C-alpha atoms as a PDB file:
ATOM      1  CA  MET A   1      99.017 -49.605-176.442  1.00  0.00           C
ATOM      2  CA  THR A   2      95.793 -49.758-174.484  1.00  0.00           C
ATOM      3  CA  GLU A   3      93.019 -47.193-174.917  1.00  0.00           C
ATOM      4  CA  ALA A   4      93.870 -45.821-171.446  1.00  0.00           C
ATOM      5  CA  GLU A   5      97.486 -45.281-172.574  1.00  0.00           C
ATOM      6  CA  ARG A   6      96.295 -43.672-175.811  1.00  0.00           C
ATOM      7  CA  ALA A   7      94.088 -41.201-173.899  1.00  0.00           C
ATOM      8  CA  LYS A   8      97.124 -39.064-173.057  1.00  0.00           C
ATOM      9  CA  SER A   9     100.379 -38.184-174.799  1.00  0.00           C
ATOM     10  CA  GLN A  10     103.083 -40.804-174.551  1.00  0.00           C
ATOM     11  CA  ARG A  11     106.764 -40.185-174.014  1.00  0.00           C
ATOM     12  CA  LEU A  12     108.842 -41.971-176.626  1.00  0.00           C
ATOM     13  CA  THR A  13     112.533 -41.843-177.381  1.00  0.00           C
ATOM     14  CA  LEU A  14     114.085 -43.062-180.585  1.00  0.00           C
ATOM     15  CA  SER A  15     117.557 -44.307-181.359  1.00  0.00           C
ATOM     16  CA  ILE A  16     118.280 -44.415-185.054  1.00  0.00           C
ATOM     17  CA  THR A  17     121.360 -45.875-186.672  1.00  0.00           C
ATOM     18  CA  PHE A  18     121.703 -45.939-190.420  1.00  0.00           C
ATOM     19  CA  TRP A  19     124.253 -46.960-192.971  1.00  0.00           C
ATOM     20  CA  PRO A  20     124.559 -44.630-195.991  1.00  0.00           C
ATOM     21  CA  LYS A  21     124.599 -46.155-199.456  1.00  0.00           C
ATOM     22  CA  GLN A  22     127.991 -44.544-200.064  1.00  0.00           C
ATOM     23  CA  THR A  23     130.976 -45.441-197.938  1.00  0.00           C
ATOM     24  CA  PHE A  24     132.496 -42.733-195.816  1.00  0.00           C
ATOM     25  CA  GLU A  25     135.644 -42.936-197.925  1.00  0.00           C
ATOM     26  CA  ASP A  26     133.596 -42.365-201.113  1.00  0.00           C
ATOM     27  CA  LEU A  27     132.050 -39.217-199.636  1.00  0.00           C
ATOM     28  CA  GLN A  28     135.513 -37.638-199.429  1.00  0.00           C
ATOM     29  CA  ASP A  29     134.326 -35.223-196.745  1.00  0.00           C
ATOM     30  CA  ASP A  30     131.713 -33.756-199.146  1.00  0.00           C
ATOM     31  CA  LEU A  31     128.281 -33.005-197.662  1.00  0.00           C
ATOM     32  CA  THR A  32     126.465 -33.002-201.014  1.00  0.00           C
ATOM     33  CA  PRO A  33     126.015 -36.785-201.456  1.00  0.00           C
ATOM     34  CA  SER A  34     125.764 -37.521-197.735  1.00  0.00           C
ATOM     35  CA  VAL A  35     122.641 -38.109-195.643  1.00  0.00           C
ATOM     36  CA  ASP A  36     121.293 -34.877-194.152  1.00  0.00           C
ATOM     37  CA  TYR A  37     120.819 -35.683-190.443  1.00  0.00           C
ATOM     38  CA  SER A  38     118.597 -32.645-189.897  1.00  0.00           C
ATOM     39  CA  ALA A  39     116.302 -33.765-192.711  1.00  0.00           C
ATOM     40  CA  VAL A  40     116.178 -37.283-191.235  1.00  0.00           C
ATOM     41  CA  CYS A  41     115.212 -35.847-187.825  1.00  0.00           C
ATOM     42  CA  ALA A  42     112.528 -33.633-189.370  1.00  0.00           C
ATOM     43  CA  ALA A  43     111.074 -36.560-191.336  1.00  0.00           C
ATOM     44  CA  VAL A  44     111.036 -38.776-188.245  1.00  0.00           C
ATOM     45  CA  ARG A  45     109.428 -36.076-186.103  1.00  0.00           C
ATOM     46  CA  GLN A  46     106.730 -35.464-188.725  1.00  0.00           C
ATOM     47  CA  LEU A  47     105.930 -39.169-189.127  1.00  0.00           C
ATOM     48  CA  VAL A  48     105.784 -39.761-185.356  1.00  0.00           C
ATOM     49  CA  GLN A  49     103.541 -36.738-184.752  1.00  0.00           C
ATOM     50  CA  LYS A  50     101.073 -37.923-187.408  1.00  0.00           C
ATOM     51  CA  SER A  51     101.151 -41.507-186.178  1.00  0.00           C
ATOM     52  CA  SER A  52      98.204 -43.120-184.462  1.00  0.00           C
ATOM     53  CA  ASN A  53      99.695 -46.614-184.237  1.00  0.00           C
ATOM     54  CA  LYS A  54      98.806 -48.867-181.353  1.00  0.00           C
ATOM     55  CA  LEU A  55     102.111 -50.770-181.404  1.00  0.00           C
ATOM     56  CA  ILE A  56     105.614 -49.350-181.158  1.00  0.00           C
ATOM     57  CA  GLU A  57     106.637 -52.240-183.424  1.00  0.00           C
ATOM     58  CA  THR A  58     104.438 -50.770-186.163  1.00  0.00           C
ATOM     59  CA  LEU A  59     105.913 -47.317-185.650  1.00  0.00           C
ATOM     60  CA  ALA A  60     109.478 -48.659-185.820  1.00  0.00           C
ATOM     61  CA  THR A  61     108.713 -50.524-189.042  1.00  0.00           C
ATOM     62  CA  GLN A  62     107.067 -47.494-190.647  1.00  0.00           C
ATOM     63  CA  LEU A  63     110.011 -45.292-189.705  1.00  0.00           C
ATOM     64  CA  ALA A  64     112.538 -47.721-191.164  1.00  0.00           C
ATOM     65  CA  THR A  65     110.557 -48.090-194.387  1.00  0.00           C
ATOM     66  CA  HIS A  66     110.227 -44.327-194.761  1.00  0.00           C
ATOM     67  CA  LEU A  67     113.898 -43.619-194.115  1.00  0.00           C
ATOM     68  CA  LEU A  68     115.031 -46.323-196.547  1.00  0.00           C
ATOM     69  CA  THR A  69     112.873 -44.904-199.335  1.00  0.00           C
ATOM     70  CA  ALA A  70     113.343 -41.185-198.660  1.00  0.00           C
ATOM     71  CA  PHE A  71     117.098 -41.045-198.064  1.00  0.00           C
ATOM     72  CA  PRO A  72     120.238 -42.638-199.572  1.00  0.00           C
ATOM     73  CA  ILE A  73     120.370 -45.242-196.810  1.00  0.00           C
ATOM     74  CA  GLU A  74     121.024 -48.948-197.308  1.00  0.00           C
ATOM     75  CA  ARG A  75     120.225 -50.152-193.774  1.00  0.00           C
ATOM     76  CA  ALA A  76     118.440 -48.680-190.776  1.00  0.00           C
ATOM     77  CA  GLU A  77     118.197 -49.768-187.153  1.00  0.00           C
ATOM     78  CA  ILE A  78     115.386 -48.192-185.156  1.00  0.00           C
ATOM     79  CA  GLU A  79     114.799 -48.529-181.425  1.00  0.00           C
ATOM     80  CA  VAL A  80     111.599 -47.078-179.984  1.00  0.00           C
ATOM     81  CA  ARG A  81     111.349 -46.775-176.207  1.00  0.00           C
ATOM     82  CA  LYS A  82     108.256 -45.901-174.225  1.00  0.00           C
ATOM     83  CA  PHE A  83     107.963 -45.157-170.553  1.00  0.00           C
ATOM     84  CA  VAL A  84     104.655 -46.558-169.328  1.00  0.00           C
ATOM     85  CA  VAL A  85     105.466 -49.459-167.006  1.00  0.00           C
ATOM     86  CA  ALA A  86     106.075 -48.300-163.448  1.00  0.00           C
ATOM     87  CA  GLU A  87     108.225 -51.330-162.589  1.00  0.00           C
ATOM     88  CA  ALA A  88     110.559 -50.835-165.561  1.00  0.00           C
ATOM     89  CA  LYS A  89     112.774 -48.013-166.736  1.00  0.00           C
ATOM     90  CA  TYR A  90     111.223 -48.405-170.205  1.00  0.00           C
ATOM     91  CA  VAL A  91     109.994 -50.959-172.705  1.00  0.00           C
ATOM     92  CA  SER A  92     111.375 -51.006-176.214  1.00  0.00           C
ATOM     93  CA  VAL A  93     111.471 -52.612-179.600  1.00  0.00           C
ATOM     94  CA  LYS A  94     114.469 -52.629-181.927  1.00  0.00           C
ATOM     95  CA  ILE A  95     114.305 -53.526-185.597  1.00  0.00           C
ATOM     96  CA  THR A  96     116.787 -53.557-188.457  1.00  0.00           C
ATOM     97  CA  ARG A  97     115.693 -53.235-192.069  1.00  0.00           C
ATOM     98  CA  SER A  98     117.651 -53.118-195.313  1.00  0.00           C
ATOM     99  CA  ALA A  99     116.833 -51.456-198.610  1.00  0.00           C
ATOM    100  CA  SER A 100     115.790 -53.614-201.536  1.00  0.00           C
ATOM    101  CA  VAL A 101     118.485 -54.434-204.005  1.00  0.00           C
ATOM    102  CA  GLY A 102     117.611 -52.448-207.058  1.00  0.00           C
END
């Protein structure tokens, strides 16, 4: 992101897909061991608002790392889109990260 782009707020959209550590069958329709989507959204919003990254690639990587360590998630796919190029609908980066085997 250039300094001119950073001078004003940027519009970003995020698409987040994650795979819980427990299978859906193992959850047996019980919310207790599942991933709290509202908590994920709040954590993402907080991290993005505090971010001062120059690259959306860096932001995507930080988000994936945070989600994998803060929630019972084994894999996360993050797409970050920004809307700054007049000739394009948007530009984006998509990454997939997996939790360490522990």
